[in-house]
Amino acid sequence: MQLTDVSYVIRKHYHSVLLQGICDVNRKFVDVFAGVCGSVHDARYDLLPPYRDSGHLTPTQRHYNIIHSKTCVGIEGAFRLLKGRFGRLKYLYIQHIQYAPLSIVACCVLHNICLDSEDELNDLL
């Protein structure tokens, strides 16, 4: 499949591949999946979304939303660190789309190695 496949073109008129990741509290990726075309909205893959607050949430639902928010902050930090280390991911040049997920997952593995090695970037971001 060529990168010219229109399903990978998002509304901003460039090609995009989604990365779904699960991280631990240390911002290490414990599971990643890459390769879904970027034209699919990422909210479609939110497995456990927060409750919509229309002013009538139970205390349990409010507590869940707080925990969900804290978890999202950790995940967003892991992705921010990944993009800080491998800024080239934003402009990945690959002629055949089947190679994009391999490159993205490789960056996630290298990200984990950097965390294990306690590289300097960990403290900067």
PDB file of N, CA and C in Angstrom:
ATOM      1  N   MET A   1       0.842  -1.180   0.000  1.00  0.00           N
ATOM      2  CA  MET A   1       0.000   0.000   0.000  1.00  0.00           C
ATOM      3  C   MET A   1       0.883   1.237   0.000  1.00  0.00           C
ATOM      4  N   GLN A   2       0.627   2.142  -0.880  1.00  0.00           N
ATOM      5  CA  GLN A   2       1.382   3.383  -0.983  1.00  0.00           C
ATOM      6  C   GLN A   2       0.910   4.387   0.056  1.00  0.00           C
ATOM      7  N   LEU A   3       1.787   5.291   0.460  1.00  0.00           N
ATOM      8  CA  LEU A   3       1.435   6.342   1.402  1.00  0.00           C
ATOM      9  C   LEU A   3       0.442   7.315   0.788  1.00  0.00           C
ATOM     10  N   THR A   4       0.203   7.220  -0.487  1.00  0.00           N
ATOM     11  CA  THR A   4      -0.755   8.105  -1.144  1.00  0.00           C
ATOM     12  C   THR A   4      -2.195   7.676  -0.887  1.00  0.00           C
ATOM     13  N   ASP A   5      -2.409   6.594  -0.161  1.00  0.00           N
ATOM     14  CA  ASP A   5      -3.748   6.131   0.183  1.00  0.00           C
ATOM     15  C   ASP A   5      -4.492   7.262   0.896  1.00  0.00           C
ATOM     16  N   VAL A   6      -5.645   7.677   0.367  1.00  0.00           N
ATOM     17  CA  VAL A   6      -6.370   8.829   0.899  1.00  0.00           C
ATOM     18  C   VAL A   6      -6.917   8.608   2.300  1.00  0.00           C
ATOM     19  N   SER A   7      -7.063   7.369   2.740  1.00  0.00           N
ATOM     20  CA  SER A   7      -7.589   7.135   4.088  1.00  0.00           C
ATOM     21  C   SER A   7      -6.595   7.584   5.164  1.00  0.00           C
ATOM     22  N   TYR A   8      -5.341   7.801   4.791  1.00  0.00           N
ATOM     23  CA  TYR A   8      -4.331   8.268   5.736  1.00  0.00           C
ATOM     24  C   TYR A   8      -4.214   9.795   5.748  1.00  0.00           C
ATOM     25  N   VAL A   9      -5.005  10.459   4.926  1.00  0.00           N
ATOM     26  CA  VAL A   9      -4.975  11.922   4.860  1.00  0.00           C
ATOM     27  C   VAL A   9      -6.020  12.458   5.830  1.00  0.00           C
ATOM     28  N   ILE A  10      -5.580  13.337   6.744  1.00  0.00           N
ATOM     29  CA  ILE A  10      -6.503  13.895   7.725  1.00  0.00           C
ATOM     30  C   ILE A  10      -7.032  15.243   7.255  1.00  0.00           C
ATOM     31  N   ARG A  11      -7.897  15.844   8.050  1.00  0.00           N
ATOM     32  CA  ARG A  11      -8.555  17.096   7.638  1.00  0.00           C
ATOM     33  C   ARG A  11      -7.575  18.234   7.400  1.00  0.00           C
ATOM     34  N   LYS A  12      -6.364  18.157   7.948  1.00  0.00           N
ATOM     35  CA  LYS A  12      -5.358  19.199   7.736  1.00  0.00           C
ATOM     36  C   LYS A  12      -4.551  18.945   6.467  1.00  0.00           C
ATOM     37  N   HIS A  13      -4.963  17.957   5.686  1.00  0.00           N
ATOM     38  CA  HIS A  13      -4.411  17.645   4.367  1.00  0.00           C
ATOM     39  C   HIS A  13      -2.991  17.090   4.394  1.00  0.00           C
ATOM     40  N   TYR A  14      -2.644  16.345   5.431  1.00  0.00           N
ATOM     41  CA  TYR A  14      -1.388  15.612   5.409  1.00  0.00           C
ATOM     42  C   TYR A  14      -1.638  14.197   5.909  1.00  0.00           C
ATOM     43  N   HIS A  15      -0.685  13.311   5.654  1.00  0.00           N
ATOM     44  CA  HIS A  15      -0.828  11.906   6.029  1.00  0.00           C
ATOM     45  C   HIS A  15      -0.588  11.725   7.520  1.00  0.00           C
ATOM     46  N   SER A  16      -1.331  10.786   8.106  1.00  0.00           N
ATOM     47  CA  SER A  16      -1.223  10.566   9.537  1.00  0.00           C
ATOM     48  C   SER A  16      -1.474   9.098   9.865  1.00  0.00           C
ATOM     49  N   VAL A  17      -0.710   8.589  10.841  1.00  0.00           N
ATOM     50  CA  VAL A  17      -0.874   7.230  11.354  1.00  0.00           C
ATOM     51  C   VAL A  17      -1.051   7.351  12.862  1.00  0.00           C
ATOM     52  N   LEU A  18      -2.067   6.681  13.412  1.00  0.00           N
ATOM     53  CA  LEU A  18      -2.328   6.758  14.846  1.00  0.00           C
ATOM     54  C   LEU A  18      -1.426   5.806  15.628  1.00  0.00           C
ATOM     55  N   LEU A  19      -1.093   6.233  16.846  1.00  0.00           N
ATOM     56  CA  LEU A  19      -0.358   5.397  17.795  1.00  0.00           C
ATOM     57  C   LEU A  19      -1.191   5.311  19.059  1.00  0.00           C
ATOM     58  N   GLN A  20      -1.523   4.093  19.464  1.00  0.00           N
ATOM     59  CA  GLN A  20      -2.227   3.866  20.717  1.00  0.00           C
ATOM     60  C   GLN A  20      -1.217   3.265  21.679  1.00  0.00           C
ATOM     61  N   GLY A  21      -1.121   3.838  22.868  1.00  0.00           N
ATOM     62  CA  GLY A  21      -0.146   3.343  23.826  1.00  0.00           C
ATOM     63  C   GLY A  21      -0.692   3.247  25.228  1.00  0.00           C
ATOM     64  N   ILE A  22      -0.207   2.260  25.964  1.00  0.00           N
ATOM     65  CA  ILE A  22      -0.501   2.104  27.385  1.00  0.00           C
ATOM     66  C   ILE A  22       0.817   2.292  28.104  1.00  0.00           C
ATOM     67  N   CYS A  23       0.802   3.146  29.128  1.00  0.00           N
ATOM     68  CA  CYS A  23       2.034   3.478  29.842  1.00  0.00           C
ATOM     69  C   CYS A  23       1.907   3.139  31.320  1.00  0.00           C
ATOM     70  N   ASP A  24       3.056   2.947  31.954  1.00  0.00           N
ATOM     71  CA  ASP A  24       3.063   2.780  33.399  1.00  0.00           C
ATOM     72  C   ASP A  24       3.296   4.136  34.058  1.00  0.00           C
ATOM     73  N   VAL A  25       3.400   4.145  35.378  1.00  0.00           N
ATOM     74  CA  VAL A  25       3.552   5.414  36.102  1.00  0.00           C
ATOM     75  C   VAL A  25       4.892   6.086  35.823  1.00  0.00           C
ATOM     76  N   ASN A  26       5.857   5.352  35.270  1.00  0.00           N
ATOM     77  CA  ASN A  26       7.175   5.906  34.940  1.00  0.00           C
ATOM     78  C   ASN A  26       7.261   6.404  33.503  1.00  0.00           C
ATOM     79  N   ARG A  27       6.123   6.493  32.824  1.00  0.00           N
ATOM     80  CA  ARG A  27       6.029   6.965  31.442  1.00  0.00           C
ATOM     81  C   ARG A  27       6.646   6.006  30.433  1.00  0.00           C
ATOM     82  N   LYS A  28       6.819   4.739  30.827  1.00  0.00           N
ATOM     83  CA  LYS A  28       7.285   3.713  29.892  1.00  0.00           C
ATOM     84  C   LYS A  28       6.084   3.094  29.191  1.00  0.00           C
ATOM     85  N   PHE A  29       6.251   2.826  27.904  1.00  0.00           N
ATOM     86  CA  PHE A  29       5.183   2.176  27.149  1.00  0.00           C
ATOM     87  C   PHE A  29       5.205   0.685  27.464  1.00  0.00           C
ATOM     88  N   VAL A  30       4.073   0.160  27.928  1.00  0.00           N
ATOM     89  CA  VAL A  30       3.973  -1.272  28.213  1.00  0.00           C
ATOM     90  C   VAL A  30       3.246  -2.000  27.093  1.00  0.00           C
ATOM     91  N   ASP A  31       2.520  -1.236  26.263  1.00  0.00           N
ATOM     92  CA  ASP A  31       1.855  -1.820  25.104  1.00  0.00           C
ATOM     93  C   ASP A  31       1.620  -0.700  24.096  1.00  0.00           C
ATOM     94  N   VAL A  32       1.919  -0.960  22.844  1.00  0.00           N
ATOM     95  CA  VAL A  32       1.673   0.022  21.789  1.00  0.00           C
ATOM     96  C   VAL A  32       1.068  -0.665  20.579  1.00  0.00           C
ATOM     97  N   PHE A  33       0.276   0.097  19.857  1.00  0.00           N
ATOM     98  CA  PHE A  33      -0.281  -0.352  18.591  1.00  0.00           C
ATOM     99  C   PHE A  33      -0.254   0.828  17.642  1.00  0.00           C
ATOM    100  N   ALA A  34       0.355   0.656  16.511  1.00  0.00           N
ATOM    101  CA  ALA A  34       0.449   1.719  15.507  1.00  0.00           C
ATOM    102  C   ALA A  34       0.001   1.178  14.166  1.00  0.00           C
ATOM    103  N   GLY A  35      -0.540   2.070  13.351  1.00  0.00           N
ATOM    104  CA  GLY A  35      -0.860   1.671  11.998  1.00  0.00           C
ATOM    105  C   GLY A  35      -2.246   2.037  11.526  1.00  0.00           C
ATOM    106  N   VAL A  36      -3.152   2.384  12.437  1.00  0.00           N
ATOM    107  CA  VAL A  36      -4.494   2.774  12.017  1.00  0.00           C
ATOM    108  C   VAL A  36      -4.389   4.103  11.279  1.00  0.00           C
ATOM    109  N   CYS A  37      -5.137   4.230  10.200  1.00  0.00           N
ATOM    110  CA  CYS A  37      -5.053   5.466   9.421  1.00  0.00           C
ATOM    111  C   CYS A  37      -5.509   6.658  10.246  1.00  0.00           C
ATOM    112  N   GLY A  38      -4.829   7.764  10.053  1.00  0.00           N
ATOM    113  CA  GLY A  38      -5.056   8.964  10.837  1.00  0.00           C
ATOM    114  C   GLY A  38      -6.399   9.624  10.618  1.00  0.00           C
ATOM    115  N   SER A  39      -7.124   9.242   9.578  1.00  0.00           N
ATOM    116  CA  SER A  39      -8.432   9.853   9.351  1.00  0.00           C
ATOM    117  C   SER A  39      -9.483   9.340  10.331  1.00  0.00           C
ATOM    118  N   VAL A  40      -9.157   8.286  11.078  1.00  0.00           N
ATOM    119  CA  VAL A  40     -10.057   7.770  12.119  1.00  0.00           C
ATOM    120  C   VAL A  40      -9.826   8.606  13.368  1.00  0.00           C
ATOM    121  N   HIS A  41     -10.880   9.182  13.936  1.00  0.00           N
ATOM    122  CA  HIS A  41     -10.738  10.039  15.108  1.00  0.00           C
ATOM    123  C   HIS A  41     -10.261   9.208  16.289  1.00  0.00           C
ATOM    124  N   ASP A  42      -9.262   9.697  17.040  1.00  0.00           N
ATOM    125  CA  ASP A  42      -8.677   8.922  18.120  1.00  0.00           C
ATOM    126  C   ASP A  42      -9.631   8.712  19.293  1.00  0.00           C
ATOM    127  N   ALA A  43     -10.685   9.524  19.417  1.00  0.00           N
ATOM    128  CA  ALA A  43     -11.666   9.315  20.492  1.00  0.00           C
ATOM    129  C   ALA A  43     -12.396   7.990  20.309  1.00  0.00           C
ATOM    130  N   ARG A  44     -12.376   7.482  19.101  1.00  0.00           N
ATOM    131  CA  ARG A  44     -13.015   6.198  18.811  1.00  0.00           C
ATOM    132  C   ARG A  44     -12.327   5.062  19.563  1.00  0.00           C
ATOM    133  N   TYR A  45     -11.074   5.270  19.974  1.00  0.00           N
ATOM    134  CA  TYR A  45     -10.307   4.230  20.638  1.00  0.00           C
ATOM    135  C   TYR A  45     -10.162   4.456  22.137  1.00  0.00           C
ATOM    136  N   ASP A  46     -10.880   5.442  22.689  1.00  0.00           N
ATOM    137  CA  ASP A  46     -10.856   5.691  24.123  1.00  0.00           C
ATOM    138  C   ASP A  46     -11.704   4.606  24.784  1.00  0.00           C
ATOM    139  N   LEU A  47     -11.052   3.617  25.419  1.00  0.00           N
ATOM    140  CA  LEU A  47     -11.777   2.450  25.932  1.00  0.00           C
ATOM    141  C   LEU A  47     -12.653   2.786  27.130  1.00  0.00           C
ATOM    142  N   LEU A  48     -12.192   3.668  27.985  1.00  0.00           N
ATOM    143  CA  LEU A  48     -12.932   4.017  29.194  1.00  0.00           C
ATOM    144  C   LEU A  48     -13.037   5.537  29.312  1.00  0.00           C
ATOM    145  N   PRO A  49     -13.960   6.151  28.584  1.00  0.00           N
ATOM    146  CA  PRO A  49     -14.055   7.613  28.614  1.00  0.00           C
ATOM    147  C   PRO A  49     -14.598   8.102  29.956  1.00  0.00           C
ATOM    148  N   PRO A  50     -14.360   9.377  30.288  1.00  0.00           N
ATOM    149  CA  PRO A  50     -14.919   9.928  31.521  1.00  0.00           C
ATOM    150  C   PRO A  50     -16.431  10.110  31.384  1.00  0.00           C
ATOM    151  N   TYR A  51     -17.093  10.238  32.512  1.00  0.00           N
ATOM    152  CA  TYR A  51     -18.531  10.526  32.506  1.00  0.00           C
ATOM    153  C   TYR A  51     -18.737  11.978  32.101  1.00  0.00           C
ATOM    154  N   ARG A  52     -19.759  12.229  31.331  1.00  0.00           N
ATOM    155  CA  ARG A  52     -20.104  13.607  30.972  1.00  0.00           C
ATOM    156  C   ARG A  52     -20.753  14.259  32.174  1.00  0.00           C
ATOM    157  N   ASP A  53     -20.225  15.405  32.539  1.00  0.00           N
ATOM    158  CA  ASP A  53     -20.725  16.091  33.731  1.00  0.00           C
ATOM    159  C   ASP A  53     -21.800  17.098  33.354  1.00  0.00           C
ATOM    160  N   SER A  54     -23.038  16.679  33.531  1.00  0.00           N
ATOM    161  CA  SER A  54     -24.173  17.574  33.282  1.00  0.00           C
ATOM    162  C   SER A  54     -24.720  18.124  34.595  1.00  0.00           C
ATOM    163  N   GLY A  55     -23.903  17.976  35.665  1.00  0.00           N
ATOM    164  CA  GLY A  55     -24.303  18.481  36.967  1.00  0.00           C
ATOM    165  C   GLY A  55     -25.002  17.459  37.841  1.00  0.00           C
ATOM    166  N   HIS A  56     -25.106  16.221  37.361  1.00  0.00           N
ATOM    167  CA  HIS A  56     -25.838  15.195  38.109  1.00  0.00           C
ATOM    168  C   HIS A  56     -25.003  13.931  38.336  1.00  0.00           C
ATOM    169  N   LEU A  57     -23.686  14.071  38.414  1.00  0.00           N
ATOM    170  CA  LEU A  57     -22.837  12.898  38.626  1.00  0.00           C
ATOM    171  C   LEU A  57     -22.893  12.439  40.083  1.00  0.00           C
ATOM    172  N   THR A  58     -22.794  11.133  40.264  1.00  0.00           N
ATOM    173  CA  THR A  58     -22.718  10.581  41.612  1.00  0.00           C
ATOM    174  C   THR A  58     -21.301  10.799  42.139  1.00  0.00           C
ATOM    175  N   PRO A  59     -21.087  10.692  43.440  1.00  0.00           N
ATOM    176  CA  PRO A  59     -19.728  10.808  43.972  1.00  0.00           C
ATOM    177  C   PRO A  59     -18.766   9.790  43.347  1.00  0.00           C
ATOM    178  N   THR A  60     -19.241   8.600  43.069  1.00  0.00           N
ATOM    179  CA  THR A  60     -18.400   7.565  42.435  1.00  0.00           C
ATOM    180  C   THR A  60     -17.999   7.990  41.029  1.00  0.00           C
ATOM    181  N   GLN A  61     -18.938   8.553  40.292  1.00  0.00           N
ATOM    182  CA  GLN A  61     -18.636   9.007  38.934  1.00  0.00           C
ATOM    183  C   GLN A  61     -17.659  10.182  38.952  1.00  0.00           C
ATOM    184  N   ARG A  62     -17.837  11.109  39.887  1.00  0.00           N
ATOM    185  CA  ARG A  62     -16.898  12.235  40.008  1.00  0.00           C
ATOM    186  C   ARG A  62     -15.499  11.733  40.361  1.00  0.00           C
ATOM    187  N   HIS A  63     -15.431  10.760  41.282  1.00  0.00           N
ATOM    188  CA  HIS A  63     -14.132  10.188  41.668  1.00  0.00           C
ATOM    189  C   HIS A  63     -13.476   9.516  40.458  1.00  0.00           C
ATOM    190  N   TYR A  64     -14.266   8.775  39.697  1.00  0.00           N
ATOM    191  CA  TYR A  64     -13.747   8.125  38.489  1.00  0.00           C
ATOM    192  C   TYR A  64     -13.170   9.171  37.533  1.00  0.00           C
ATOM    193  N   ASN A  65     -13.880  10.273  37.317  1.00  0.00           N
ATOM    194  CA  ASN A  65     -13.403  11.328  36.423  1.00  0.00           C
ATOM    195  C   ASN A  65     -12.092  11.928  36.899  1.00  0.00           C
ATOM    196  N   ILE A  66     -11.925  12.090  38.212  1.00  0.00           N
ATOM    197  CA  ILE A  66     -10.672  12.614  38.757  1.00  0.00           C
ATOM    198  C   ILE A  66      -9.522  11.651  38.478  1.00  0.00           C
ATOM    199  N   ILE A  67      -9.744  10.370  38.740  1.00  0.00           N
ATOM    200  CA  ILE A  67      -8.717   9.352  38.478  1.00  0.00           C
ATOM    201  C   ILE A  67      -8.419   9.283  36.985  1.00  0.00           C
ATOM    202  N   HIS A  68      -9.451   9.355  36.170  1.00  0.00           N
ATOM    203  CA  HIS A  68      -9.277   9.324  34.713  1.00  0.00           C
ATOM    204  C   HIS A  68      -8.418  10.502  34.258  1.00  0.00           C
ATOM    205  N   SER A  69      -8.685  11.677  34.799  1.00  0.00           N
ATOM    206  CA  SER A  69      -7.925  12.872  34.438  1.00  0.00           C
ATOM    207  C   SER A  69      -6.454  12.728  34.823  1.00  0.00           C
ATOM    208  N   LYS A  70      -6.178  12.218  36.018  1.00  0.00           N
ATOM    209  CA  LYS A  70      -4.789  12.019  36.458  1.00  0.00           C
ATOM    210  C   LYS A  70      -4.069  11.019  35.564  1.00  0.00           C
ATOM    211  N   THR A  71      -4.781   9.986  35.162  1.00  0.00           N
ATOM    212  CA  THR A  71      -4.194   8.977  34.271  1.00  0.00           C
ATOM    213  C   THR A  71      -3.868   9.595  32.915  1.00  0.00           C
ATOM    214  N   CYS A  72      -4.772  10.418  32.407  1.00  0.00           N
ATOM    215  CA  CYS A  72      -4.552  11.069  31.114  1.00  0.00           C
ATOM    216  C   CYS A  72      -3.326  11.969  31.154  1.00  0.00           C
ATOM    217  N   VAL A  73      -3.117  12.658  32.266  1.00  0.00           N
ATOM    218  CA  VAL A  73      -1.950  13.525  32.404  1.00  0.00           C
ATOM    219  C   VAL A  73      -0.672  12.698  32.282  1.00  0.00           C
ATOM    220  N   GLY A  74      -0.650  11.515  32.904  1.00  0.00           N
ATOM    221  CA  GLY A  74       0.522  10.632  32.812  1.00  0.00           C
ATOM    222  C   GLY A  74       0.758  10.133  31.401  1.00  0.00           C
ATOM    223  N   ILE A  75      -0.303   9.727  30.732  1.00  0.00           N
ATOM    224  CA  ILE A  75      -0.188   9.235  29.353  1.00  0.00           C
ATOM    225  C   ILE A  75       0.287  10.361  28.433  1.00  0.00           C
ATOM    226  N   GLU A  76      -0.306  11.539  28.602  1.00  0.00           N
ATOM    227  CA  GLU A  76       0.096  12.679  27.776  1.00  0.00           C
ATOM    228  C   GLU A  76       1.559  13.036  28.005  1.00  0.00           C
ATOM    229  N   GLY A  77       2.033  12.876  29.232  1.00  0.00           N
ATOM    230  CA  GLY A  77       3.444  13.118  29.534  1.00  0.00           C
ATOM    231  C   GLY A  77       4.348  12.136  28.807  1.00  0.00           C
ATOM    232  N   ALA A  78       3.931  10.882  28.740  1.00  0.00           N
ATOM    233  CA  ALA A  78       4.725   9.871  28.024  1.00  0.00           C
ATOM    234  C   ALA A  78       4.798  10.201  26.536  1.00  0.00           C
ATOM    235  N   PHE A  79       3.676  10.602  25.953  1.00  0.00           N
ATOM    236  CA  PHE A  79       3.680  10.953  24.532  1.00  0.00           C
ATOM    237  C   PHE A  79       4.471  12.236  24.280  1.00  0.00           C
ATOM    238  N   ARG A  80       4.383  13.195  25.188  1.00  0.00           N
ATOM    239  CA  ARG A  80       5.172  14.431  25.056  1.00  0.00           C
ATOM    240  C   ARG A  80       6.661  14.109  25.092  1.00  0.00           C
ATOM    241  N   LEU A  81       7.063  13.220  25.995  1.00  0.00           N
ATOM    242  CA  LEU A  81       8.464  12.813  26.094  1.00  0.00           C
ATOM    243  C   LEU A  81       8.900  12.067  24.830  1.00  0.00           C
ATOM    244  N   LEU A  82       8.041  11.182  24.324  1.00  0.00           N
ATOM    245  CA  LEU A  82       8.347  10.447  23.090  1.00  0.00           C
ATOM    246  C   LEU A  82       8.557  11.418  21.927  1.00  0.00           C
ATOM    247  N   LYS A  83       7.656  12.387  21.782  1.00  0.00           N
ATOM    248  CA  LYS A  83       7.786  13.353  20.684  1.00  0.00           C
ATOM    249  C   LYS A  83       8.965  14.289  20.894  1.00  0.00           C
ATOM    250  N   GLY A  84       9.329  14.533  22.150  1.00  0.00           N
ATOM    251  CA  GLY A  84      10.511  15.344  22.425  1.00  0.00           C
ATOM    252  C   GLY A  84      11.789  14.639  22.025  1.00  0.00           C
ATOM    253  N   ARG A  85      11.826  13.346  22.251  1.00  0.00           N
ATOM    254  CA  ARG A  85      13.002  12.559  21.881  1.00  0.00           C
ATOM    255  C   ARG A  85      13.091  12.329  20.379  1.00  0.00           C
ATOM    256  N   PHE A  86      11.960  12.063  19.775  1.00  0.00           N
ATOM    257  CA  PHE A  86      11.924  11.674  18.364  1.00  0.00           C
ATOM    258  C   PHE A  86      10.997  12.606  17.594  1.00  0.00           C
ATOM    259  N   GLY A  87      11.393  13.866  17.522  1.00  0.00           N
ATOM    260  CA  GLY A  87      10.597  14.881  16.836  1.00  0.00           C
ATOM    261  C   GLY A  87      10.352  14.550  15.378  1.00  0.00           C
ATOM    262  N   ARG A  88      11.212  13.736  14.837  1.00  0.00           N
ATOM    263  CA  ARG A  88      11.071  13.336  13.441  1.00  0.00           C
ATOM    264  C   ARG A  88       9.790  12.537  13.203  1.00  0.00           C
ATOM    265  N   LEU A  89       9.202  11.982  14.257  1.00  0.00           N
ATOM    266  CA  LEU A  89       7.948  11.245  14.106  1.00  0.00           C
ATOM    267  C   LEU A  89       6.850  12.123  13.508  1.00  0.00           C
ATOM    268  N   LYS A  90       6.928  13.418  13.755  1.00  0.00           N
ATOM    269  CA  LYS A  90       5.917  14.330  13.226  1.00  0.00           C
ATOM    270  C   LYS A  90       6.017  14.444  11.703  1.00  0.00           C
ATOM    271  N   TYR A  91       7.217  14.251  11.173  1.00  0.00           N
ATOM    272  CA  TYR A  91       7.442  14.370   9.728  1.00  0.00           C
ATOM    273  C   TYR A  91       8.090  13.116   9.174  1.00  0.00           C
ATOM    274  N   LEU A  92       7.569  11.967   9.547  1.00  0.00           N
ATOM    275  CA  LEU A  92       8.108  10.678   9.119  1.00  0.00           C
ATOM    276  C   LEU A  92       7.944  10.530   7.612  1.00  0.00           C
ATOM    277  N   TYR A  93       9.049  10.319   6.916  1.00  0.00           N
ATOM    278  CA  TYR A  93       8.994  10.167   5.464  1.00  0.00           C
ATOM    279  C   TYR A  93       9.190   8.697   5.126  1.00  0.00           C
ATOM    280  N   ILE A  94       8.112   8.066   4.706  1.00  0.00           N
ATOM    281  CA  ILE A  94       8.148   6.645   4.342  1.00  0.00           C
ATOM    282  C   ILE A  94       7.288   6.479   3.094  1.00  0.00           C
ATOM    283  N   GLN A  95       7.827   5.793   2.099  1.00  0.00           N
ATOM    284  CA  GLN A  95       7.087   5.628   0.851  1.00  0.00           C
ATOM    285  C   GLN A  95       5.976   4.587   0.956  1.00  0.00           C
ATOM    286  N   HIS A  96       6.173   3.556   1.743  1.00  0.00           N
ATOM    287  CA  HIS A  96       5.172   2.493   1.877  1.00  0.00           C
ATOM    288  C   HIS A  96       4.647   2.478   3.305  1.00  0.00           C
ATOM    289  N   ILE A  97       3.343   2.608   3.441  1.00  0.00           N
ATOM    290  CA  ILE A  97       2.704   2.783   4.738  1.00  0.00           C
ATOM    291  C   ILE A  97       2.954   1.615   5.689  1.00  0.00           C
ATOM    292  N   GLN A  98       3.203   0.426   5.182  1.00  0.00           N
ATOM    293  CA  GLN A  98       3.408  -0.721   6.072  1.00  0.00           C
ATOM    294  C   GLN A  98       4.678  -0.585   6.913  1.00  0.00           C
ATOM    295  N   TYR A  99       5.591   0.309   6.521  1.00  0.00           N
ATOM    296  CA  TYR A  99       6.813   0.522   7.299  1.00  0.00           C
ATOM    297  C   TYR A  99       6.645   1.570   8.401  1.00  0.00           C
ATOM    298  N   ALA A 100       5.620   2.389   8.315  1.00  0.00           N
ATOM    299  CA  ALA A 100       5.399   3.437   9.314  1.00  0.00           C
ATOM    300  C   ALA A 100       5.182   2.863  10.714  1.00  0.00           C
ATOM    301  N   PRO A 101       4.299   1.872  10.902  1.00  0.00           N
ATOM    302  CA  PRO A 101       4.115   1.330  12.252  1.00  0.00           C
ATOM    303  C   PRO A 101       5.396   0.753  12.842  1.00  0.00           C
ATOM    304  N   LEU A 102       6.221   0.139  12.020  1.00  0.00           N
ATOM    305  CA  LEU A 102       7.484  -0.422  12.514  1.00  0.00           C
ATOM    306  C   LEU A 102       8.403   0.666  13.041  1.00  0.00           C
ATOM    307  N   SER A 103       8.479   1.768  12.325  1.00  0.00           N
ATOM    308  CA  SER A 103       9.314   2.895  12.757  1.00  0.00           C
ATOM    309  C   SER A 103       8.785   3.515  14.040  1.00  0.00           C
ATOM    310  N   ILE A 104       7.478   3.656  14.133  1.00  0.00           N
ATOM    311  CA  ILE A 104       6.857   4.261  15.309  1.00  0.00           C
ATOM    312  C   ILE A 104       7.054   3.380  16.537  1.00  0.00           C
ATOM    313  N   VAL A 105       6.816   2.091  16.400  1.00  0.00           N
ATOM    314  CA  VAL A 105       6.992   1.165  17.529  1.00  0.00           C
ATOM    315  C   VAL A 105       8.460   1.099  17.932  1.00  0.00           C
ATOM    316  N   ALA A 106       9.369   1.152  16.970  1.00  0.00           N
ATOM    317  CA  ALA A 106      10.802   1.172  17.294  1.00  0.00           C
ATOM    318  C   ALA A 106      11.148   2.387  18.143  1.00  0.00           C
ATOM    319  N   CYS A 107      10.563   3.529  17.841  1.00  0.00           N
ATOM    320  CA  CYS A 107      10.796   4.735  18.656  1.00  0.00           C
ATOM    321  C   CYS A 107      10.274   4.543  20.070  1.00  0.00           C
ATOM    322  N   CYS A 108       9.162   3.851  20.223  1.00  0.00           N
ATOM    323  CA  CYS A 108       8.624   3.576  21.560  1.00  0.00           C
ATOM    324  C   CYS A 108       9.570   2.675  22.351  1.00  0.00           C
ATOM    325  N   VAL A 109      10.145   1.690  21.690  1.00  0.00           N
ATOM    326  CA  VAL A 109      11.118   0.802  22.351  1.00  0.00           C
ATOM    327  C   VAL A 109      12.351   1.598  22.755  1.00  0.00           C
ATOM    328  N   LEU A 110      12.854   2.426  21.852  1.00  0.00           N
ATOM    329  CA  LEU A 110      14.007   3.271  22.179  1.00  0.00           C
ATOM    330  C   LEU A 110      13.695   4.252  23.308  1.00  0.00           C
ATOM    331  N   HIS A 111      12.477   4.750  23.339  1.00  0.00           N
ATOM    332  CA  HIS A 111      12.019   5.628  24.424  1.00  0.00           C
ATOM    333  C   HIS A 111      12.154   4.899  25.770  1.00  0.00           C
ATOM    334  N   ASN A 112      11.700   3.656  25.814  1.00  0.00           N
ATOM    335  CA  ASN A 112      11.802   2.867  27.048  1.00  0.00           C
ATOM    336  C   ASN A 112      13.254   2.629  27.446  1.00  0.00           C
ATOM    337  N   ILE A 113      14.104   2.384  26.474  1.00  0.00           N
ATOM    338  CA  ILE A 113      15.533   2.186  26.757  1.00  0.00           C
ATOM    339  C   ILE A 113      16.129   3.473  27.325  1.00  0.00           C
ATOM    340  N   CYS A 114      15.734   4.608  26.770  1.00  0.00           N
ATOM    341  CA  CYS A 114      16.215   5.893  27.291  1.00  0.00           C
ATOM    342  C   CYS A 114      15.776   6.097  28.735  1.00  0.00           C
ATOM    343  N   LEU A 115      14.534   5.738  29.040  1.00  0.00           N
ATOM    344  CA  LEU A 115      14.061   5.856  30.423  1.00  0.00           C
ATOM    345  C   LEU A 115      14.848   4.947  31.351  1.00  0.00           C
ATOM    346  N   ASP A 116      15.104   3.722  30.901  1.00  0.00           N
ATOM    347  CA  ASP A 116      15.888   2.779  31.714  1.00  0.00           C
ATOM    348  C   ASP A 116      17.306   3.288  31.934  1.00  0.00           C
ATOM    349  N   SER A 117      17.832   4.000  30.944  1.00  0.00           N
ATOM    350  CA  SER A 117      19.203   4.526  31.023  1.00  0.00           C
ATOM    351  C   SER A 117      19.266   5.860  31.755  1.00  0.00           C
ATOM    352  N   GLU A 118      18.100   6.382  32.140  1.00  0.00           N
ATOM    353  CA  GLU A 118      18.004   7.657  32.843  1.00  0.00           C
ATOM    354  C   GLU A 118      18.709   8.781  32.071  1.00  0.00           C
ATOM    355  N   ASP A 119      18.355   8.898  30.799  1.00  0.00           N
ATOM    356  CA  ASP A 119      18.974   9.940  29.973  1.00  0.00           C
ATOM    357  C   ASP A 119      18.554  11.328  30.441  1.00  0.00           C
ATOM    358  N   GLU A 120      19.244  12.315  29.978  1.00  0.00           N
ATOM    359  CA  GLU A 120      19.052  13.696  30.437  1.00  0.00           C
ATOM    360  C   GLU A 120      17.684  14.259  30.053  1.00  0.00           C
ATOM    361  N   LEU A 121      17.101  13.800  28.970  1.00  0.00           N
ATOM    362  CA  LEU A 121      15.830  14.337  28.511  1.00  0.00           C
ATOM    363  C   LEU A 121      14.707  14.066  29.511  1.00  0.00           C
ATOM    364  N   ASN A 122      14.836  12.999  30.298  1.00  0.00           N
ATOM    365  CA  ASN A 122      13.801  12.670  31.282  1.00  0.00           C
ATOM    366  C   ASN A 122      13.548  13.832  32.223  1.00  0.00           C
ATOM    367  N   ASP A 123      14.587  14.553  32.596  1.00  0.00           N
ATOM    368  CA  ASP A 123      14.468  15.650  33.550  1.00  0.00           C
ATOM    369  C   ASP A 123      14.002  16.945  32.896  1.00  0.00           C
ATOM    370  N   LEU A 124      14.164  17.054  31.576  1.00  0.00           N
ATOM    371  CA  LEU A 124      13.840  18.296  30.880  1.00  0.00           C
ATOM    372  C   LEU A 124      12.362  18.445  30.589  1.00  0.00           C
ATOM    373  N   LEU A 125      11.695  17.346  30.323  1.00  0.00           N
ATOM    374  CA  LEU A 125      10.276  17.429  29.915  1.00  0.00           C
ATOM    375  C   LEU A 125       9.359  17.071  31.057  1.00  0.00           C
TER     376      LEU A 125
END
